C-alpha atoms as a PDB file:
ATOM      1  CA  MET A   1       3.028 -14.402  16.051  1.00  0.00           C
ATOM      2  CA  PRO A   2       1.992 -12.259  13.245  1.00  0.00           C
ATOM      3  CA  THR A   3      -0.638 -13.954  10.934  1.00  0.00           C
ATOM      4  CA  LYS A   4       0.005 -14.527   7.125  1.00  0.00           C
ATOM      5  CA  LEU A   5      -2.375 -11.709   6.464  1.00  0.00           C
ATOM      6  CA  VAL A   6      -0.589  -9.026   8.576  1.00  0.00           C
ATOM      7  CA  GLU A   7       2.873 -10.261   7.181  1.00  0.00           C
ATOM      8  CA  ALA A   8       1.315  -9.745   3.476  1.00  0.00           C
ATOM      9  CA  SER A   9       0.027  -6.212   4.567  1.00  0.00           C
ATOM     10  CA  ARG A  10       3.487  -5.512   6.159  1.00  0.00           C
ATOM     11  CA  ARG A  11       5.292  -6.567   2.958  1.00  0.00           C
ATOM     12  CA  VAL A  12       3.277  -4.032   0.981  1.00  0.00           C
ATOM     13  CA  LEU A  13       3.990  -1.350   3.396  1.00  0.00           C
ATOM     14  CA  MET A  14       7.751  -2.174   3.415  1.00  0.00           C
ATOM     15  CA  GLN A  15       7.789  -1.865  -0.460  1.00  0.00           C
ATOM     16  CA  LYS A  16       6.979   1.987   0.491  1.00  0.00           C
ATOM     17  CA  GLN A  17       9.749   2.182   2.917  1.00  0.00           C
ATOM     18  CA  LEU A  18      12.154   0.830   0.279  1.00  0.00           C
ATOM     19  CA  LEU A  19      11.012   3.398  -2.174  1.00  0.00           C
ATOM     20  CA  LEU A  20      11.460   6.230   0.378  1.00  0.00           C
ATOM     21  CA  SER A  21      15.087   4.901   1.680  1.00  0.00           C
ATOM     22  CA  THR A  22      16.113   4.758  -1.985  1.00  0.00           C
ATOM     23  CA  MET A  23      14.746   8.295  -2.521  1.00  0.00           C
ATOM     24  CA  GLU A  24      16.603   9.427   0.425  1.00  0.00           C
ATOM     25  CA  ARG A  25      19.888   7.521  -0.666  1.00  0.00           C
ATOM     26  CA  LEU A  26      19.744   9.142  -4.048  1.00  0.00           C
ATOM     27  CA  GLY A  27      18.742  12.715  -2.767  1.00  0.00           C
ATOM     28  CA  CYS A  28      15.350  12.741  -4.492  1.00  0.00           C
ATOM     29  CA  TYR A  29      14.048  15.053  -1.888  1.00  0.00           C
ATOM     30  CA  GLU A  30      12.123  17.627  -4.293  1.00  0.00           C
ATOM     31  CA  ALA A  31      10.824  14.745  -6.355  1.00  0.00           C
ATOM     32  CA  TYR A  32       8.968  13.631  -3.458  1.00  0.00           C
ATOM     33  CA  ALA A  33       6.673  16.650  -3.437  1.00  0.00           C
ATOM     34  CA  THR A  34       6.716  17.640  -6.804  1.00  0.00           C
ATOM     35  CA  LYS A  35       3.590  17.253  -9.068  1.00  0.00           C
ATOM     36  CA  CYS A  36       3.766  15.135 -12.108  1.00  0.00           C
ATOM     37  CA  PRO A  37       1.979  16.880 -14.995  1.00  0.00           C
ATOM     38  CA  VAL A  38       0.900  13.860 -16.413  1.00  0.00           C
ATOM     39  CA  VAL A  39      -0.618  12.316 -13.459  1.00  0.00           C
ATOM     40  CA  GLY A  40      -1.530  15.385 -11.839  1.00  0.00           C
ATOM     41  CA  SER A  41      -0.323  14.447  -8.255  1.00  0.00           C
ATOM     42  CA  THR A  42       2.933  13.845  -6.133  1.00  0.00           C
ATOM     43  CA  ILE A  43       4.543  10.583  -4.792  1.00  0.00           C
ATOM     44  CA  GLY A  44       4.092  12.079  -1.187  1.00  0.00           C
ATOM     45  CA  GLY A  45       0.338  12.554  -1.981  1.00  0.00           C
ATOM     46  CA  HIS A  46      -0.141   8.939  -2.952  1.00  0.00           C
ATOM     47  CA  VAL A  47       2.006   7.704   0.090  1.00  0.00           C
ATOM     48  CA  ARG A  48       0.007   9.800   2.372  1.00  0.00           C
ATOM     49  CA  HIS A  49      -3.275   8.656   0.938  1.00  0.00           C
ATOM     50  CA  ALA A  50      -2.466   4.911   1.219  1.00  0.00           C
ATOM     51  CA  LEU A  51      -1.137   5.329   4.882  1.00  0.00           C
ATOM     52  CA  ASP A  52      -4.180   6.970   5.705  1.00  0.00           C
ATOM     53  CA  HIS A  53      -6.244   3.978   4.602  1.00  0.00           C
ATOM     54  CA  TYR A  54      -3.876   1.865   6.428  1.00  0.00           C
ATOM     55  CA  ASP A  55      -4.343   3.879   9.487  1.00  0.00           C
ATOM     56  CA  ARG A  56      -8.090   4.032   9.406  1.00  0.00           C
ATOM     57  CA  ALA A  57      -8.192   0.286   9.127  1.00  0.00           C
ATOM     58  CA  LEU A  58      -5.876  -0.166  11.938  1.00  0.00           C
ATOM     59  CA  ASP A  59      -7.841   2.255  14.134  1.00  0.00           C
ATOM     60  CA  GLY A  60     -11.039   0.278  13.713  1.00  0.00           C
ATOM     61  CA  ILE A  61      -9.042  -3.214  14.217  1.00  0.00           C
ATOM     62  CA  LEU A  62      -7.166  -2.020  17.350  1.00  0.00           C
ATOM     63  CA  SER A  63      -9.967   0.030  18.902  1.00  0.00           C
ATOM     64  CA  LYS A  64     -12.178  -2.970  18.799  1.00  0.00           C
ATOM     65  CA  ALA A  65      -9.630  -4.783  21.078  1.00  0.00           C
ATOM     66  CA  LYS A  66     -10.140  -2.085  23.809  1.00  0.00           C
ATOM     67  CA  THR A  67     -13.893  -2.420  23.945  1.00  0.00           C
ATOM     68  CA  SER A  68     -16.521  -5.113  24.263  1.00  0.00           C
ATOM     69  CA  SER A  69     -19.922  -3.476  23.103  1.00  0.00           C
ATOM     70  CA  SER A  70     -20.563  -1.749  19.997  1.00  0.00           C
ATOM     71  CA  LEU A  71     -18.815  -2.547  16.741  1.00  0.00           C
ATOM     72  CA  SER A  72     -15.860  -0.499  15.552  1.00  0.00           C
ATOM     73  CA  LEU A  73     -16.535   1.920  12.839  1.00  0.00           C
ATOM     74  CA  VAL A  74     -13.936   2.578   9.877  1.00  0.00           C
ATOM     75  CA  ASP A  75     -14.458   5.926   8.097  1.00  0.00           C
ATOM     76  CA  TYR A  76     -11.841   5.948   5.024  1.00  0.00           C
ATOM     77  CA  ASP A  77     -12.891   9.456   4.116  1.00  0.00           C
ATOM     78  CA  THR A  78     -11.183  10.668   7.287  1.00  0.00           C
ATOM     79  CA  ARG A  79      -7.763  11.785   5.676  1.00  0.00           C
ATOM     80  CA  LEU A  80      -4.948  13.897   6.885  1.00  0.00           C
ATOM     81  CA  ARG A  81      -4.382  15.829   3.566  1.00  0.00           C
ATOM     82  CA  GLY A  82      -1.494  18.344   3.040  1.00  0.00           C
ATOM     83  CA  GLY A  83       0.567  17.417   6.259  1.00  0.00           C
ATOM     84  CA  ASP A  84       4.165  16.331   6.737  1.00  0.00           C
ATOM     85  CA  VAL A  85       3.771  12.929   5.460  1.00  0.00           C
ATOM     86  CA  GLU A  86       2.632  14.302   2.149  1.00  0.00           C
ATOM     87  CA  LYS A  87       5.478  16.736   1.811  1.00  0.00           C
ATOM     88  CA  ASP A  88       8.469  15.376   3.848  1.00  0.00           C
ATOM     89  CA  LEU A  89      10.387  12.183   3.222  1.00  0.00           C
ATOM     90  CA  SER A  90      11.605  11.694   6.634  1.00  0.00           C
ATOM     91  CA  SER A  91       8.132  12.107   8.129  1.00  0.00           C
ATOM     92  CA  ALA A  92       6.895   9.767   5.804  1.00  0.00           C
ATOM     93  CA  VAL A  93       9.469   7.085   6.710  1.00  0.00           C
ATOM     94  CA  GLU A  94       8.524   7.563  10.413  1.00  0.00           C
ATOM     95  CA  ALA A  95       4.659   7.283   9.479  1.00  0.00           C
ATOM     96  CA  ILE A  96       5.435   3.938   7.768  1.00  0.00           C
ATOM     97  CA  LEU A  97       7.541   2.430  10.665  1.00  0.00           C
ATOM     98  CA  ASN A  98       4.851   3.524  13.076  1.00  0.00           C
ATOM     99  CA  CYS A  99       2.126   1.864  10.912  1.00  0.00           C
ATOM    100  CA  SER A 100       4.345  -1.429  10.762  1.00  0.00           C
ATOM    101  CA  GLU A 101       4.478  -1.400  14.484  1.00  0.00           C
ATOM    102  CA  ARG A 102       0.754  -1.056  14.857  1.00  0.00           C
ATOM    103  CA  LEU A 103       0.441  -4.030  12.455  1.00  0.00           C
ATOM    104  CA  GLY A 104       2.590  -6.111  14.879  1.00  0.00           C
ATOM    105  CA  SER A 105      -0.296  -5.753  17.620  1.00  0.00           C
ATOM    106  CA  ILE A 106      -2.959  -7.521  15.339  1.00  0.00           C
ATOM    107  CA  THR A 107      -3.929 -11.072  16.552  1.00  0.00           C
ATOM    108  CA  GLU A 108      -5.736 -13.893  14.670  1.00  0.00           C
ATOM    109  CA  GLU A 109      -8.730 -13.081  17.014  1.00  0.00           C
ATOM    110  CA  MET A 110      -8.904  -9.379  15.999  1.00  0.00           C
ATOM    111  CA  LEU A 111      -9.017 -10.250  12.489  1.00  0.00           C
ATOM    112  CA  ALA A 112     -12.127 -12.402  13.027  1.00  0.00           C
ATOM    113  CA  ARG A 113     -14.032  -9.586  14.491  1.00  0.00           C
ATOM    114  CA  PRO A 114     -17.026  -7.730  12.674  1.00  0.00           C
ATOM    115  CA  MET A 115     -16.916  -4.074  12.119  1.00  0.00           C
ATOM    116  CA  GLN A 116     -18.660  -1.299  10.168  1.00  0.00           C
ATOM    117  CA  VAL A 117     -17.438   0.897   7.548  1.00  0.00           C
ATOM    118  CA  GLN A 118     -18.641   4.029   6.045  1.00  0.00           C
ATOM    119  CA  PHE A 119     -17.792   5.916   2.697  1.00  0.00           C
ATOM    120  CA  ASN A 120     -19.013   9.049   0.977  1.00  0.00           C
ATOM    121  CA  LEU A 121     -20.996   8.086  -2.032  1.00  0.00           C
ATOM    122  CA  SER A 122     -21.141  11.434  -3.947  1.00  0.00           C
ATOM    123  CA  GLY A 123     -19.454  14.871  -3.811  1.00  0.00           C
ATOM    124  CA  ASN A 124     -22.576  16.662  -3.775  1.00  0.00           C
ATOM    125  CA  ASP A 125     -23.455  15.982  -0.068  1.00  0.00           C
ATOM    126  CA  ASP A 126     -21.971  14.667   2.909  1.00  0.00           C
ATOM    127  CA  SER A 127     -24.274  11.638   3.187  1.00  0.00           C
ATOM    128  CA  LYS A 128     -22.527   8.385   4.116  1.00  0.00           C
ATOM    129  CA  PHE A 129     -22.967   4.656   3.102  1.00  0.00           C
ATOM    130  CA  LEU A 130     -22.726   2.330   5.996  1.00  0.00           C
ATOM    131  CA  PHE A 131     -22.154  -1.527   5.675  1.00  0.00           C
ATOM    132  CA  GLU A 132     -20.870  -4.440   7.735  1.00  0.00           C
ATOM    133  CA  SER A 133     -17.485  -5.903   7.082  1.00  0.00           C
ATOM    134  CA  TYR A 134     -14.956  -7.589   9.310  1.00  0.00           C
ATOM    135  CA  ALA A 135     -11.334  -6.869  10.443  1.00  0.00           C
ATOM    136  CA  ALA A 136      -9.292  -9.146   7.920  1.00  0.00           C
ATOM    137  CA  ARG A 137     -11.153  -7.964   4.872  1.00  0.00           C
ATOM    138  CA  GLU A 138     -10.466  -4.265   5.903  1.00  0.00           C
ATOM    139  CA  LEU A 139      -6.833  -4.860   6.504  1.00  0.00           C
ATOM    140  CA  TRP A 140      -6.402  -6.587   3.074  1.00  0.00           C
ATOM    141  CA  PHE A 141      -8.345  -3.818   1.418  1.00  0.00           C
ATOM    142  CA  ALA A 142      -5.882  -1.191   2.627  1.00  0.00           C
ATOM    143  CA  ALA A 143      -3.034  -3.071   1.571  1.00  0.00           C
ATOM    144  CA  HIS A 144      -4.420  -3.802  -1.946  1.00  0.00           C
ATOM    145  CA  HIS A 145      -5.488  -0.278  -2.322  1.00  0.00           C
ATOM    146  CA  SER A 146      -1.787   0.497  -1.259  1.00  0.00           C
ATOM    147  CA  ILE A 147      -0.491  -1.516  -4.348  1.00  0.00           C
ATOM    148  CA  HIS A 148      -2.667   0.272  -6.669  1.00  0.00           C
ATOM    149  CA  HIS A 149      -1.114   3.550  -5.575  1.00  0.00           C
ATOM    150  CA  GLN A 150       2.289   2.307  -5.733  1.00  0.00           C
ATOM    151  CA  ALA A 151       1.519   1.604  -9.392  1.00  0.00           C
ATOM    152  CA  MET A 152       0.492   5.227  -9.701  1.00  0.00           C
ATOM    153  CA  ILE A 153       3.928   6.112  -7.808  1.00  0.00           C
ATOM    154  CA  LYS A 154       5.820   4.221 -10.672  1.00  0.00           C
ATOM    155  CA  LEU A 155       4.314   6.399 -13.311  1.00  0.00           C
ATOM    156  CA  ILE A 156       5.201   9.626 -11.497  1.00  0.00           C
ATOM    157  CA  ILE A 157       8.874   8.312 -10.955  1.00  0.00           C
ATOM    158  CA  GLN A 158       9.103   8.305 -14.709  1.00  0.00           C
ATOM    159  CA  CYS A 159       8.192  11.886 -14.987  1.00  0.00           C
ATOM    160  CA  HIS A 160      10.994  12.910 -12.632  1.00  0.00           C
ATOM    161  CA  ASP A 161      13.619  10.352 -12.947  1.00  0.00           C
ATOM    162  CA  GLU A 162      15.109  11.122 -16.336  1.00  0.00           C
ATOM    163  CA  LYS A 163      18.162   8.921 -15.780  1.00  0.00           C
ATOM    164  CA  LYS A 164      15.926   5.880 -14.547  1.00  0.00           C
ATOM    165  CA  THR A 165      18.341   5.736 -11.533  1.00  0.00           C
ATOM    166  CA  LEU A 166      15.286   5.508  -8.786  1.00  0.00           C
ATOM    167  CA  ALA A 167      13.105   3.251 -11.248  1.00  0.00           C
ATOM    168  CA  GLN A 168      16.093   0.659 -11.604  1.00  0.00           C
ATOM    169  CA  ALA A 169      16.721   0.640  -7.790  1.00  0.00           C
ATOM    170  CA  LEU A 170      13.091  -0.491  -6.960  1.00  0.00           C
ATOM    171  CA  PRO A 171      12.003  -4.354  -7.236  1.00  0.00           C
ATOM    172  CA  ARG A 172      10.289  -5.329 -10.407  1.00  0.00           C
ATOM    173  CA  ASP A 173       7.330  -6.264  -8.565  1.00  0.00           C
ATOM    174  CA  PHE A 174       6.750  -2.811  -6.962  1.00  0.00           C
ATOM    175  CA  GLY A 175       3.208  -1.735  -7.759  1.00  0.00           C
ATOM    176  CA  MET A 176       2.005  -5.278  -8.725  1.00  0.00           C
ATOM    177  CA  ALA A 177      -0.741  -7.055  -7.035  1.00  0.00           C
ATOM    178  CA  PRO A 178       0.141 -10.554  -5.773  1.00  0.00           C
ATOM    179  CA  SER A 179      -1.971 -12.406  -8.537  1.00  0.00           C
ATOM    180  CA  THR A 180       0.093 -10.323 -11.291  1.00  0.00           C
ATOM    181  CA  VAL A 181       3.249 -11.578  -9.805  1.00  0.00           C
ATOM    182  CA  LEU A 182       2.180 -15.164  -9.659  1.00  0.00           C
ATOM    183  CA  HIS A 183       0.966 -15.028 -13.106  1.00  0.00           C
ATOM    184  CA  ASN A 184       4.211 -13.502 -14.576  1.00  0.00           C
ATOM    185  CA  ASN A 185       6.380 -15.986 -12.640  1.00  0.00           C
ATOM    186  CA  THR A 186       4.247 -18.956 -13.780  1.00  0.00           C
ATOM    187  CA  SER A 187       4.451 -17.597 -17.376  1.00  0.00           C
ATOM    188  CA  ASN A 188       8.018 -17.234 -17.381  1.00  0.00           C
ATOM    189  CA  ASN A 189       8.620 -20.715 -15.725  1.00  0.00           C
ATOM    190  CA  ALA A 190       6.427 -22.410 -18.291  1.00  0.00           C
ATOM    191  CA  ALA A 191       8.558 -20.638 -21.015  1.00  0.00           C
ATOM    192  CA  SER A 192      11.706 -21.497 -19.685  1.00  0.00           C
ATOM    193  CA  ALA A 193      10.699 -25.043 -19.411  1.00  0.00           C
ATOM    194  CA  SER A 194       9.416 -25.023 -22.874  1.00  0.00           C
ATOM    195  CA  ALA A 195      12.573 -23.338 -24.224  1.00  0.00           C
ATOM    196  CA  SER A 196      14.704 -26.112 -22.177  1.00  0.00           C
ATOM    197  CA  GLY A 197      12.637 -28.910 -23.674  1.00  0.00           C
ATOM    198  CA  ALA A 198      13.129 -27.657 -27.308  1.00  0.00           C
ATOM    199  CA  ALA A 199      16.800 -27.357 -26.646  1.00  0.00           C
ATOM    200  CA  SER A 200      17.200 -30.848 -25.272  1.00  0.00           C
ATOM    201  CA  SER A 201      15.136 -32.302 -28.213  1.00  0.00           C
ATOM    202  CA  SER A 202      17.206 -30.681 -30.676  1.00  0.00           C
ATOM    203  CA  GLY A 203      20.302 -31.797 -29.272  1.00  0.00           C
END
């Protein structure tokens, strides 16, 4: 049975699938790979970038399941820039479904495993910073990082979607962190309760 963390990570991923399926339904193929002059990037670029992080985390988590010696190594700087996922809607949908299937292979035991992660710290040289982490932390990093890029995608949609058709088809919480959604819901419920109480007292 998938863990709560895996399910939460999959929900973030499925928001991307909803975006792409909506773009296909509305015929927004050109907009997927067209650069927004305000943000300076494309929807496809952000989708590919976020999926790269998911895939690198999954590579580390699932590879550890096949070995018993050294720690798995995750390198988020290993990316697939400029490929089909970045330029073609159908390829991106296929990549998301494949990523979701890989998520389904993760067990509670795998999430508890230690691993190593490395990053480039500067664009001036290729030296890497290496640190220790564990699988659950890296999976949620990939998901939370993806939410950030979905927020960027919302800005790009505004550049291409003059009639607001695509923006209106997406859920209101697209590109919002769970803490933000929770805060908004709590604030709205409190405001509704206050308004209801005021109406009752005035009656």
